[in-house]
């Protein structure tokens, strides 16, 4: 039985582009990548537990295989794009103080007072 899942727009853009390049349907491309990912995880060259430990800072990445490095880097980049509670609290406090809270598309510092006026 077919199942529906939600994927982020960034992932779907990659899937669409690659499915066109490979002459596959979107579902076919995702299924293809699932089979490849499963095969890599089951191969002797990949240890998911080591990658998880490295993301937690418990293992050095210097001894990773090429496959492990690729998965670790993808996971690392994804985690770095997500704010944690401390970061959220830091920027909430800056907004309360009317201080800079980020950069706009042009790279200019955005202040809370500018956001309120807009």
PDB file of N, CA and C in Angstrom:
ATOM      1  N   UNK A   1       0.838  -1.165   0.000  1.00  0.00           N
ATOM      2  CA  UNK A   1       0.000   0.000   0.000  1.00  0.00           C
ATOM      3  C   UNK A   1       0.891   1.240   0.000  1.00  0.00           C
ATOM      4  N   UNK A   2       0.568   2.213  -0.824  1.00  0.00           N
ATOM      5  CA  UNK A   2       1.332   3.457  -0.914  1.00  0.00           C
ATOM      6  C   UNK A   2       1.106   4.297   0.340  1.00  0.00           C
ATOM      7  N   UNK A   3       2.142   5.025   0.744  1.00  0.00           N
ATOM      8  CA  UNK A   3       2.089   5.894   1.918  1.00  0.00           C
ATOM      9  C   UNK A   3       2.495   7.301   1.508  1.00  0.00           C
ATOM     10  N   UNK A   4       1.950   8.293   2.155  1.00  0.00           N
ATOM     11  CA  UNK A   4       2.331   9.684   1.920  1.00  0.00           C
ATOM     12  C   UNK A   4       3.263  10.143   3.029  1.00  0.00           C
ATOM     13  N   UNK A   5       4.261  10.947   2.649  1.00  0.00           N
ATOM     14  CA  UNK A   5       5.154  11.553   3.626  1.00  0.00           C
ATOM     15  C   UNK A   5       5.354  13.012   3.247  1.00  0.00           C
ATOM     16  N   UNK A   6       5.740  13.819   4.215  1.00  0.00           N
ATOM     17  CA  UNK A   6       6.024  15.227   3.939  1.00  0.00           C
ATOM     18  C   UNK A   6       7.530  15.419   3.917  1.00  0.00           C
ATOM     19  N   UNK A   7       8.013  16.063   2.869  1.00  0.00           N
ATOM     20  CA  UNK A   7       9.423  16.407   2.758  1.00  0.00           C
ATOM     21  C   UNK A   7       9.517  17.913   2.567  1.00  0.00           C
ATOM     22  N   UNK A   8      10.571  18.495   3.097  1.00  0.00           N
ATOM     23  CA  UNK A   8      10.781  19.932   2.964  1.00  0.00           C
ATOM     24  C   UNK A   8      10.970  20.347   1.512  1.00  0.00           C
ATOM     25  N   UNK A   9      10.675  21.614   1.243  1.00  0.00           N
ATOM     26  CA  UNK A   9      10.824  22.138  -0.118  1.00  0.00           C
ATOM     27  C   UNK A   9      12.241  21.984  -0.639  1.00  0.00           C
ATOM     28  N   UNK A  10      13.235  22.167   0.242  1.00  0.00           N
ATOM     29  CA  UNK A  10      14.627  22.044  -0.193  1.00  0.00           C
ATOM     30  C   UNK A  10      14.918  20.629  -0.679  1.00  0.00           C
ATOM     31  N   UNK A  11      14.417  19.635   0.038  1.00  0.00           N
ATOM     32  CA  UNK A  11      14.619  18.241  -0.367  1.00  0.00           C
ATOM     33  C   UNK A  11      13.867  17.958  -1.662  1.00  0.00           C
ATOM     34  N   UNK A  12      12.632  18.433  -1.758  1.00  0.00           N
ATOM     35  CA  UNK A  12      11.833  18.178  -2.959  1.00  0.00           C
ATOM     36  C   UNK A  12      12.451  18.822  -4.193  1.00  0.00           C
ATOM     37  N   UNK A  13      13.066  19.986  -4.040  1.00  0.00           N
ATOM     38  CA  UNK A  13      13.741  20.611  -5.183  1.00  0.00           C
ATOM     39  C   UNK A  13      14.878  19.731  -5.686  1.00  0.00           C
ATOM     40  N   UNK A  14      15.622  19.155  -4.762  1.00  0.00           N
ATOM     41  CA  UNK A  14      16.718  18.250  -5.139  1.00  0.00           C
ATOM     42  C   UNK A  14      16.156  17.010  -5.825  1.00  0.00           C
ATOM     43  N   UNK A  15      15.096  16.445  -5.249  1.00  0.00           N
ATOM     44  CA  UNK A  15      14.487  15.229  -5.820  1.00  0.00           C
ATOM     45  C   UNK A  15      13.962  15.515  -7.230  1.00  0.00           C
ATOM     46  N   UNK A  16      13.262  16.621  -7.402  1.00  0.00           N
ATOM     47  CA  UNK A  16      12.713  16.948  -8.729  1.00  0.00           C
ATOM     48  C   UNK A  16      13.825  17.093  -9.763  1.00  0.00           C
ATOM     49  N   UNK A  17      14.854  17.846  -9.400  1.00  0.00           N
ATOM     50  CA  UNK A  17      15.963  18.069 -10.342  1.00  0.00           C
ATOM     51  C   UNK A  17      16.629  16.751 -10.719  1.00  0.00           C
ATOM     52  N   UNK A  18      16.918  15.930  -9.718  1.00  0.00           N
ATOM     53  CA  UNK A  18      17.605  14.666  -9.979  1.00  0.00           C
ATOM     54  C   UNK A  18      16.713  13.684 -10.728  1.00  0.00           C
ATOM     55  N   UNK A  19      15.419  13.679 -10.420  1.00  0.00           N
ATOM     56  CA  UNK A  19      14.511  12.760 -11.126  1.00  0.00           C
ATOM     57  C   UNK A  19      14.445  13.103 -12.607  1.00  0.00           C
ATOM     58  N   UNK A  20      14.478  14.396 -12.932  1.00  0.00           N
ATOM     59  CA  UNK A  20      14.494  14.803 -14.342  1.00  0.00           C
ATOM     60  C   UNK A  20      15.791  14.378 -15.015  1.00  0.00           C
ATOM     61  N   UNK A  21      16.916  14.582 -14.337  1.00  0.00           N
ATOM     62  CA  UNK A  21      18.208  14.206 -14.910  1.00  0.00           C
ATOM     63  C   UNK A  21      18.325  12.705 -15.138  1.00  0.00           C
ATOM     64  N   UNK A  22      17.711  11.919 -14.252  1.00  0.00           N
ATOM     65  CA  UNK A  22      17.827  10.463 -14.318  1.00  0.00           C
ATOM     66  C   UNK A  22      16.638   9.809 -15.025  1.00  0.00           C
ATOM     67  N   UNK A  23      15.724  10.615 -15.544  1.00  0.00           N
ATOM     68  CA  UNK A  23      14.518  10.109 -16.231  1.00  0.00           C
ATOM     69  C   UNK A  23      13.723   9.150 -15.341  1.00  0.00           C
ATOM     70  N   UNK A  24      13.522   9.560 -14.096  1.00  0.00           N
ATOM     71  CA  UNK A  24      12.723   8.786 -13.155  1.00  0.00           C
ATOM     72  C   UNK A  24      11.565   9.652 -12.683  1.00  0.00           C
ATOM     73  N   UNK A  25      10.529   8.997 -12.206  1.00  0.00           N
ATOM     74  CA  UNK A  25       9.463   9.741 -11.536  1.00  0.00           C
ATOM     75  C   UNK A  25      10.016  10.220 -10.190  1.00  0.00           C
ATOM     76  N   UNK A  26       9.319  11.145  -9.569  1.00  0.00           N
ATOM     77  CA  UNK A  26       9.751  11.616  -8.246  1.00  0.00           C
ATOM     78  C   UNK A  26       9.742  10.452  -7.259  1.00  0.00           C
ATOM     79  N   UNK A  27       8.666   9.670  -7.274  1.00  0.00           N
ATOM     80  CA  UNK A  27       8.598   8.508  -6.376  1.00  0.00           C
ATOM     81  C   UNK A  27       9.706   7.509  -6.699  1.00  0.00           C
ATOM     82  N   UNK A  28       9.986   7.321  -7.976  1.00  0.00           N
ATOM     83  CA  UNK A  28      11.052   6.402  -8.381  1.00  0.00           C
ATOM     84  C   UNK A  28      12.415   6.876  -7.903  1.00  0.00           C
ATOM     85  N   UNK A  29      12.654   8.195  -7.952  1.00  0.00           N
ATOM     86  CA  UNK A  29      13.936   8.740  -7.498  1.00  0.00           C
ATOM     87  C   UNK A  29      14.103   8.549  -5.999  1.00  0.00           C
ATOM     88  N   UNK A  30      13.047   8.826  -5.244  1.00  0.00           N
ATOM     89  CA  UNK A  30      13.118   8.650  -3.793  1.00  0.00           C
ATOM     90  C   UNK A  30      13.343   7.182  -3.455  1.00  0.00           C
ATOM     91  N   UNK A  31      12.607   6.284  -4.115  1.00  0.00           N
ATOM     92  CA  UNK A  31      12.783   4.847  -3.866  1.00  0.00           C
ATOM     93  C   UNK A  31      14.206   4.417  -4.210  1.00  0.00           C
ATOM     94  N   UNK A  32      14.759   4.947  -5.290  1.00  0.00           N
ATOM     95  CA  UNK A  32      16.136   4.636  -5.685  1.00  0.00           C
ATOM     96  C   UNK A  32      17.115   5.052  -4.586  1.00  0.00           C
ATOM     97  N   UNK A  33      16.947   6.275  -4.087  1.00  0.00           N
ATOM     98  CA  UNK A  33      17.844   6.754  -3.036  1.00  0.00           C
ATOM     99  C   UNK A  33      17.670   5.975  -1.748  1.00  0.00           C
ATOM    100  N   UNK A  34      16.448   5.556  -1.444  1.00  0.00           N
ATOM    101  CA  UNK A  34      16.217   4.751  -0.241  1.00  0.00           C
ATOM    102  C   UNK A  34      16.978   3.435  -0.360  1.00  0.00           C
ATOM    103  N   UNK A  35      16.905   2.799  -1.525  1.00  0.00           N
ATOM    104  CA  UNK A  35      17.619   1.530  -1.716  1.00  0.00           C
ATOM    105  C   UNK A  35      19.137   1.729  -1.610  1.00  0.00           C
ATOM    106  N   UNK A  36      19.643   2.806  -2.193  1.00  0.00           N
ATOM    107  CA  UNK A  36      21.084   3.088  -2.106  1.00  0.00           C
ATOM    108  C   UNK A  36      21.482   3.349  -0.655  1.00  0.00           C
ATOM    109  N   UNK A  37      20.722   4.186   0.037  1.00  0.00           N
ATOM    110  CA  UNK A  37      21.038   4.496   1.435  1.00  0.00           C
ATOM    111  C   UNK A  37      21.007   3.262   2.311  1.00  0.00           C
ATOM    112  N   UNK A  38      20.032   2.417   2.088  1.00  0.00           N
ATOM    113  CA  UNK A  38      19.939   1.172   2.868  1.00  0.00           C
ATOM    114  C   UNK A  38      21.138   0.271   2.584  1.00  0.00           C
ATOM    115  N   UNK A  39      21.524   0.180   1.323  1.00  0.00           N
ATOM    116  CA  UNK A  39      22.670  -0.656   0.971  1.00  0.00           C
ATOM    117  C   UNK A  39      23.953  -0.130   1.606  1.00  0.00           C
ATOM    118  N   UNK A  40      24.108   1.191   1.616  1.00  0.00           N
ATOM    119  CA  UNK A  40      25.295   1.785   2.228  1.00  0.00           C
ATOM    120  C   UNK A  40      25.314   1.501   3.726  1.00  0.00           C
ATOM    121  N   UNK A  41      24.179   1.688   4.382  1.00  0.00           N
ATOM    122  CA  UNK A  41      24.121   1.441   5.816  1.00  0.00           C
ATOM    123  C   UNK A  41      24.404  -0.015   6.155  1.00  0.00           C
ATOM    124  N   UNK A  42      24.010  -0.933   5.291  1.00  0.00           N
ATOM    125  CA  UNK A  42      24.221  -2.357   5.554  1.00  0.00           C
ATOM    126  C   UNK A  42      25.595  -2.835   5.107  1.00  0.00           C
ATOM    127  N   UNK A  43      26.304  -2.015   4.341  1.00  0.00           N
ATOM    128  CA  UNK A  43      27.642  -2.417   3.885  1.00  0.00           C
ATOM    129  C   UNK A  43      28.619  -2.382   5.058  1.00  0.00           C
ATOM    130  N   UNK A  44      29.749  -2.987   4.893  1.00  0.00           N
ATOM    131  CA  UNK A  44      30.760  -2.974   5.941  1.00  0.00           C
ATOM    132  C   UNK A  44      31.515  -1.664   6.028  1.00  0.00           C
ATOM    133  N   UNK A  45      31.200  -0.717   5.143  1.00  0.00           N
ATOM    134  CA  UNK A  45      31.928   0.552   5.094  1.00  0.00           C
ATOM    135  C   UNK A  45      31.208   1.679   5.813  1.00  0.00           C
ATOM    136  N   UNK A  46      30.142   1.359   6.514  1.00  0.00           N
ATOM    137  CA  UNK A  46      29.308   2.408   7.086  1.00  0.00           C
ATOM    138  C   UNK A  46      28.854   1.992   8.483  1.00  0.00           C
ATOM    139  N   UNK A  47      29.020   2.854   9.453  1.00  0.00           N
ATOM    140  CA  UNK A  47      28.583   2.564  10.817  1.00  0.00           C
ATOM    141  C   UNK A  47      27.786   3.764  11.323  1.00  0.00           C
ATOM    142  N   UNK A  48      26.464   3.638  11.292  1.00  0.00           N
ATOM    143  CA  UNK A  48      25.596   4.749  11.672  1.00  0.00           C
ATOM    144  C   UNK A  48      25.816   5.168  13.123  1.00  0.00           C
ATOM    145  N   UNK A  49      26.125   4.220  13.986  1.00  0.00           N
ATOM    146  CA  UNK A  49      26.366   4.544  15.400  1.00  0.00           C
ATOM    147  C   UNK A  49      27.573   5.474  15.544  1.00  0.00           C
ATOM    148  N   UNK A  50      28.602   5.270  14.735  1.00  0.00           N
ATOM    149  CA  UNK A  50      29.783   6.161  14.791  1.00  0.00           C
ATOM    150  C   UNK A  50      29.414   7.565  14.339  1.00  0.00           C
ATOM    151  N   UNK A  51      28.578   7.667  13.323  1.00  0.00           N
ATOM    152  CA  UNK A  51      28.165   8.988  12.839  1.00  0.00           C
ATOM    153  C   UNK A  51      27.362   9.706  13.917  1.00  0.00           C
ATOM    154  N   UNK A  52      26.443   9.003  14.552  1.00  0.00           N
ATOM    155  CA  UNK A  52      25.651   9.585  15.641  1.00  0.00           C
ATOM    156  C   UNK A  52      26.561  10.042  16.778  1.00  0.00           C
ATOM    157  N   UNK A  53      27.547   9.223  17.110  1.00  0.00           N
ATOM    158  CA  UNK A  53      28.491   9.589  18.170  1.00  0.00           C
ATOM    159  C   UNK A  53      29.311  10.813  17.772  1.00  0.00           C
ATOM    160  N   UNK A  54      29.699  10.913  16.509  1.00  0.00           N
ATOM    161  CA  UNK A  54      30.467  12.073  16.041  1.00  0.00           C
ATOM    162  C   UNK A  54      29.623  13.337  16.101  1.00  0.00           C
ATOM    163  N   UNK A  55      28.342  13.235  15.750  1.00  0.00           N
ATOM    164  CA  UNK A  55      27.455  14.396  15.831  1.00  0.00           C
ATOM    165  C   UNK A  55      27.279  14.864  17.272  1.00  0.00           C
ATOM    166  N   UNK A  56      27.405  13.933  18.216  1.00  0.00           N
ATOM    167  CA  UNK A  56      27.315  14.284  19.634  1.00  0.00           C
ATOM    168  C   UNK A  56      28.654  14.769  20.182  1.00  0.00           C
ATOM    169  N   UNK A  57      29.708  14.714  19.360  1.00  0.00           N
ATOM    170  CA  UNK A  57      31.032  15.160  19.791  1.00  0.00           C
ATOM    171  C   UNK A  57      31.816  14.107  20.530  1.00  0.00           C
ATOM    172  N   UNK A  58      31.391  12.851  20.448  1.00  0.00           N
ATOM    173  CA  UNK A  58      32.051  11.787  21.194  1.00  0.00           C
ATOM    174  C   UNK A  58      33.090  11.018  20.381  1.00  0.00           C
ATOM    175  N   UNK A  59      33.123  11.200  19.064  1.00  0.00           N
ATOM    176  CA  UNK A  59      34.034  10.454  18.187  1.00  0.00           C
ATOM    177  C   UNK A  59      34.640  11.418  17.175  1.00  0.00           C
ATOM    178  N   UNK A  60      35.909  11.263  16.892  1.00  0.00           N
ATOM    179  CA  UNK A  60      36.568  12.061  15.854  1.00  0.00           C
ATOM    180  C   UNK A  60      36.133  11.567  14.479  1.00  0.00           C
ATOM    181  N   UNK A  61      36.023  12.464  13.540  1.00  0.00           N
ATOM    182  CA  UNK A  61      35.591  12.091  12.189  1.00  0.00           C
ATOM    183  C   UNK A  61      36.756  11.740  11.270  1.00  0.00           C
ATOM    184  N   UNK A  62      37.970  11.864  11.747  1.00  0.00           N
ATOM    185  CA  UNK A  62      39.141  11.658  10.887  1.00  0.00           C
ATOM    186  C   UNK A  62      39.293  10.221  10.400  1.00  0.00           C
ATOM    187  N   UNK A  63      38.731   9.264  11.118  1.00  0.00           N
ATOM    188  CA  UNK A  63      38.865   7.859  10.721  1.00  0.00           C
ATOM    189  C   UNK A  63      37.650   7.354   9.944  1.00  0.00           C
ATOM    190  N   UNK A  64      36.726   8.237   9.591  1.00  0.00           N
ATOM    191  CA  UNK A  64      35.536   7.823   8.850  1.00  0.00           C
ATOM    192  C   UNK A  64      35.900   7.350   7.445  1.00  0.00           C
ATOM    193  N   UNK A  65      35.108   6.419   6.935  1.00  0.00           N
ATOM    194  CA  UNK A  65      35.209   6.046   5.520  1.00  0.00           C
ATOM    195  C   UNK A  65      34.600   7.182   4.703  1.00  0.00           C
ATOM    196  N   UNK A  66      34.798   7.158   3.392  1.00  0.00           N
ATOM    197  CA  UNK A  66      34.213   8.203   2.544  1.00  0.00           C
ATOM    198  C   UNK A  66      32.696   8.241   2.670  1.00  0.00           C
ATOM    199  N   UNK A  67      32.057   7.072   2.738  1.00  0.00           N
ATOM    200  CA  UNK A  67      30.605   7.020   2.872  1.00  0.00           C
ATOM    201  C   UNK A  67      30.158   7.633   4.195  1.00  0.00           C
ATOM    202  N   UNK A  68      30.871   7.319   5.272  1.00  0.00           N
ATOM    203  CA  UNK A  68      30.536   7.877   6.580  1.00  0.00           C
ATOM    204  C   UNK A  68      30.724   9.389   6.597  1.00  0.00           C
ATOM    205  N   UNK A  69      31.784   9.868   5.954  1.00  0.00           N
ATOM    206  CA  UNK A  69      32.027  11.316   5.900  1.00  0.00           C
ATOM    207  C   UNK A  69      30.882  12.032   5.193  1.00  0.00           C
ATOM    208  N   UNK A  70      30.400  11.454   4.079  1.00  0.00           N
ATOM    209  CA  UNK A  70      29.302  12.078   3.340  1.00  0.00           C
ATOM    210  C   UNK A  70      28.043  12.168   4.186  1.00  0.00           C
ATOM    211  N   UNK A  71      27.700  11.083   4.866  1.00  0.00           N
ATOM    212  CA  UNK A  71      26.492  11.071   5.696  1.00  0.00           C
ATOM    213  C   UNK A  71      26.663  12.008   6.889  1.00  0.00           C
ATOM    214  N   UNK A  72      27.844  11.976   7.518  1.00  0.00           N
ATOM    215  CA  UNK A  72      28.090  12.857   8.661  1.00  0.00           C
ATOM    216  C   UNK A  72      27.960  14.320   8.243  1.00  0.00           C
ATOM    217  N   UNK A  73      28.556  14.689   7.111  1.00  0.00           N
ATOM    218  CA  UNK A  73      28.512  16.078   6.668  1.00  0.00           C
ATOM    219  C   UNK A  73      27.079  16.518   6.392  1.00  0.00           C
ATOM    220  N   UNK A  74      26.303  15.682   5.720  1.00  0.00           N
ATOM    221  CA  UNK A  74      24.903  16.026   5.471  1.00  0.00           C
ATOM    222  C   UNK A  74      24.149  16.225   6.784  1.00  0.00           C
ATOM    223  N   UNK A  75      24.354  15.333   7.729  1.00  0.00           N
ATOM    224  CA  UNK A  75      23.682  15.424   9.027  1.00  0.00           C
ATOM    225  C   UNK A  75      24.148  16.650   9.804  1.00  0.00           C
ATOM    226  N   UNK A  76      25.460  16.926   9.746  1.00  0.00           N
ATOM    227  CA  UNK A  76      26.023  18.075  10.447  1.00  0.00           C
ATOM    228  C   UNK A  76      25.438  19.378   9.909  1.00  0.00           C
ATOM    229  N   UNK A  77      25.400  19.513   8.602  1.00  0.00           N
ATOM    230  CA  UNK A  77      24.868  20.731   7.984  1.00  0.00           C
ATOM    231  C   UNK A  77      23.397  20.906   8.361  1.00  0.00           C
ATOM    232  N   UNK A  78      22.640  19.823   8.363  1.00  0.00           N
ATOM    233  CA  UNK A  78      21.232  19.901   8.744  1.00  0.00           C
ATOM    234  C   UNK A  78      21.085  20.352  10.195  1.00  0.00           C
ATOM    235  N   UNK A  79      21.871  19.765  11.097  1.00  0.00           N
ATOM    236  CA  UNK A  79      21.780  20.134  12.513  1.00  0.00           C
ATOM    237  C   UNK A  79      22.207  21.589  12.744  1.00  0.00           C
ATOM    238  N   UNK A  80      23.206  22.046  12.016  1.00  0.00           N
ATOM    239  CA  UNK A  80      23.674  23.422  12.191  1.00  0.00           C
ATOM    240  C   UNK A  80      22.631  24.434  11.715  1.00  0.00           C
ATOM    241  N   UNK A  81      21.736  24.019  10.852  1.00  0.00           N
ATOM    242  CA  UNK A  81      20.689  24.901  10.363  1.00  0.00           C
ATOM    243  C   UNK A  81      19.508  25.021  11.308  1.00  0.00           C
ATOM    244  N   UNK A  82      19.506  24.254  12.386  1.00  0.00           N
ATOM    245  CA  UNK A  82      18.405  24.275  13.350  1.00  0.00           C
ATOM    246  C   UNK A  82      18.870  24.950  14.635  1.00  0.00           C
ATOM    247  N   UNK A  83      18.091  25.945  15.074  1.00  0.00           N
ATOM    248  CA  UNK A  83      18.474  26.625  16.314  1.00  0.00           C
ATOM    249  C   UNK A  83      18.061  25.790  17.522  1.00  0.00           C
ATOM    250  N   UNK A  84      18.824  25.940  18.584  1.00  0.00           N
ATOM    251  CA  UNK A  84      18.516  25.263  19.838  1.00  0.00           C
ATOM    252  C   UNK A  84      17.866  26.230  20.808  1.00  0.00           C
ATOM    253  N   UNK A  85      17.457  25.745  21.969  1.00  0.00           N
ATOM    254  CA  UNK A  85      16.771  26.610  22.935  1.00  0.00           C
ATOM    255  C   UNK A  85      17.630  27.777  23.417  1.00  0.00           C
ATOM    256  N   UNK A  86      18.927  27.554  23.581  1.00  0.00           N
ATOM    257  CA  UNK A  86      19.810  28.643  24.024  1.00  0.00           C
ATOM    258  C   UNK A  86      19.896  29.737  22.967  1.00  0.00           C
ATOM    259  N   UNK A  87      19.997  29.329  21.704  1.00  0.00           N
ATOM    260  CA  UNK A  87      20.073  30.308  20.617  1.00  0.00           C
ATOM    261  C   UNK A  87      18.749  31.065  20.487  1.00  0.00           C
ATOM    262  N   UNK A  88      17.637  30.361  20.609  1.00  0.00           N
ATOM    263  CA  UNK A  88      16.331  31.022  20.554  1.00  0.00           C
ATOM    264  C   UNK A  88      16.196  32.048  21.677  1.00  0.00           C
ATOM    265  N   UNK A  89      16.626  31.689  22.889  1.00  0.00           N
ATOM    266  CA  UNK A  89      16.550  32.602  24.031  1.00  0.00           C
ATOM    267  C   UNK A  89      17.458  33.814  23.814  1.00  0.00           C
ATOM    268  N   UNK A  90      18.652  33.585  23.268  1.00  0.00           N
ATOM    269  CA  UNK A  90      19.591  34.672  23.003  1.00  0.00           C
ATOM    270  C   UNK A  90      18.959  35.706  22.072  1.00  0.00           C
ATOM    271  N   UNK A  91      18.379  35.246  20.963  1.00  0.00           N
ATOM    272  CA  UNK A  91      17.801  36.193  20.008  1.00  0.00           C
ATOM    273  C   UNK A  91      16.505  36.810  20.524  1.00  0.00           C
ATOM    274  N   UNK A  92      15.755  36.102  21.355  1.00  0.00           N
ATOM    275  CA  UNK A  92      14.565  36.692  21.973  1.00  0.00           C
ATOM    276  C   UNK A  92      14.979  37.858  22.864  1.00  0.00           C
ATOM    277  N   UNK A  93      16.062  37.665  23.615  1.00  0.00           N
ATOM    278  CA  UNK A  93      16.563  38.737  24.494  1.00  0.00           C
ATOM    279  C   UNK A  93      17.042  39.931  23.663  1.00  0.00           C
ATOM    280  N   UNK A  94      17.720  39.675  22.571  1.00  0.00           N
ATOM    281  CA  UNK A  94      18.184  40.772  21.704  1.00  0.00           C
ATOM    282  C   UNK A  94      16.996  41.542  21.127  1.00  0.00           C
ATOM    283  N   UNK A  95      15.922  40.830  20.769  1.00  0.00           N
ATOM    284  CA  UNK A  95      14.734  41.513  20.257  1.00  0.00           C
ATOM    285  C   UNK A  95      14.131  42.413  21.339  1.00  0.00           C
ATOM    286  N   UNK A  96      14.104  41.923  22.579  1.00  0.00           N
ATOM    287  CA  UNK A  96      13.571  42.728  23.686  1.00  0.00           C
ATOM    288  C   UNK A  96      14.370  44.002  23.862  1.00  0.00           C
ATOM    289  N   UNK A  97      15.682  43.919  23.647  1.00  0.00           N
ATOM    290  CA  UNK A  97      16.563  45.074  23.833  1.00  0.00           C
ATOM    291  C   UNK A  97      16.636  45.970  22.597  1.00  0.00           C
ATOM    292  N   UNK A  98      15.982  45.555  21.491  1.00  0.00           N
ATOM    293  CA  UNK A  98      16.022  46.338  20.258  1.00  0.00           C
ATOM    294  C   UNK A  98      17.363  46.252  19.546  1.00  0.00           C
ATOM    295  N   UNK A  99      18.121  45.195  19.815  1.00  0.00           N
ATOM    296  CA  UNK A  99      19.431  45.012  19.202  1.00  0.00           C
ATOM    297  C   UNK A  99      19.313  44.208  17.911  1.00  0.00           C
ATOM    298  N   UNK A 100      20.420  44.086  17.191  1.00  0.00           N
ATOM    299  CA  UNK A 100      20.425  43.322  15.948  1.00  0.00           C
ATOM    300  C   UNK A 100      19.972  41.892  16.171  1.00  0.00           C
ATOM    301  N   UNK A 101      19.138  41.408  15.268  1.00  0.00           N
ATOM    302  CA  UNK A 101      18.610  40.052  15.408  1.00  0.00           C
ATOM    303  C   UNK A 101      18.917  39.175  14.212  1.00  0.00           C
ATOM    304  N   UNK A 102      19.663  39.677  13.234  1.00  0.00           N
ATOM    305  CA  UNK A 102      19.996  38.859  12.072  1.00  0.00           C
ATOM    306  C   UNK A 102      20.389  39.708  10.894  1.00  0.00           C
ATOM    307  N   UNK A 103      20.515  39.065   9.757  1.00  0.00           N
ATOM    308  CA  UNK A 103      20.885  39.747   8.520  1.00  0.00           C
ATOM    309  C   UNK A 103      19.749  39.625   7.517  1.00  0.00           C
ATOM    310  N   UNK A 104      19.553  40.700   6.728  1.00  0.00           N
ATOM    311  CA  UNK A 104      18.553  40.609   5.668  1.00  0.00           C
ATOM    312  C   UNK A 104      19.197  40.005   4.422  1.00  0.00           C
ATOM    313  N   UNK A 105      18.452  39.933   3.331  1.00  0.00           N
ATOM    314  CA  UNK A 105      18.945  39.294   2.101  1.00  0.00           C
ATOM    315  C   UNK A 105      20.180  39.993   1.540  1.00  0.00           C
ATOM    316  N   UNK A 106      20.331  41.286   1.830  1.00  0.00           N
ATOM    317  CA  UNK A 106      21.483  42.044   1.338  1.00  0.00           C
ATOM    318  C   UNK A 106      22.672  41.985   2.286  1.00  0.00           C
ATOM    319  N   UNK A 107      22.513  41.283   3.421  1.00  0.00           N
ATOM    320  CA  UNK A 107      23.601  41.169   4.378  1.00  0.00           C
ATOM    321  C   UNK A 107      23.648  42.286   5.398  1.00  0.00           C
ATOM    322  N   UNK A 108      22.603  43.103   5.466  1.00  0.00           N
ATOM    323  CA  UNK A 108      22.534  44.204   6.425  1.00  0.00           C
ATOM    324  C   UNK A 108      21.976  43.718   7.750  1.00  0.00           C
ATOM    325  N   UNK A 109      22.470  44.275   8.837  1.00  0.00           N
ATOM    326  CA  UNK A 109      21.992  43.928  10.168  1.00  0.00           C
ATOM    327  C   UNK A 109      20.550  44.382  10.327  1.00  0.00           C
ATOM    328  N   UNK A 110      19.696  43.484  10.777  1.00  0.00           N
ATOM    329  CA  UNK A 110      18.287  43.788  11.003  1.00  0.00           C
ATOM    330  C   UNK A 110      18.077  43.974  12.499  1.00  0.00           C
ATOM    331  N   UNK A 111      17.396  45.035  12.867  1.00  0.00           N
ATOM    332  CA  UNK A 111      17.105  45.323  14.260  1.00  0.00           C
ATOM    333  C   UNK A 111      15.619  45.128  14.523  1.00  0.00           C
ATOM    334  N   UNK A 112      15.272  44.810  15.758  1.00  0.00           N
ATOM    335  CA  UNK A 112      13.875  44.576  16.127  1.00  0.00           C
ATOM    336  C   UNK A 112      13.018  45.811  15.844  1.00  0.00           C
ATOM    337  N   UNK A 113      13.556  47.001  16.078  1.00  0.00           N
ATOM    338  CA  UNK A 113      12.775  48.212  15.844  1.00  0.00           C
ATOM    339  C   UNK A 113      12.428  48.350  14.368  1.00  0.00           C
ATOM    340  N   UNK A 114      13.310  47.918  13.468  1.00  0.00           N
ATOM    341  CA  UNK A 114      13.033  47.973  12.039  1.00  0.00           C
ATOM    342  C   UNK A 114      11.952  46.971  11.662  1.00  0.00           C
ATOM    343  N   UNK A 115      11.911  45.850  12.351  1.00  0.00           N
ATOM    344  CA  UNK A 115      10.904  44.825  12.073  1.00  0.00           C
ATOM    345  C   UNK A 115       9.523  45.332  12.501  1.00  0.00           C
ATOM    346  N   UNK A 116       9.471  46.006  13.645  1.00  0.00           N
ATOM    347  CA  UNK A 116       8.182  46.513  14.148  1.00  0.00           C
ATOM    348  C   UNK A 116       7.593  47.565  13.233  1.00  0.00           C
ATOM    349  N   UNK A 117       8.438  48.408  12.608  1.00  0.00           N
ATOM    350  CA  UNK A 117       7.972  49.472  11.733  1.00  0.00           C
ATOM    351  C   UNK A 117       7.435  48.931  10.410  1.00  0.00           C
ATOM    352  N   UNK A 118       7.962  47.783   9.962  1.00  0.00           N
ATOM    353  CA  UNK A 118       7.598  47.253   8.646  1.00  0.00           C
ATOM    354  C   UNK A 118       6.218  46.667   8.604  1.00  0.00           C
TER     355      UNK A 118
END
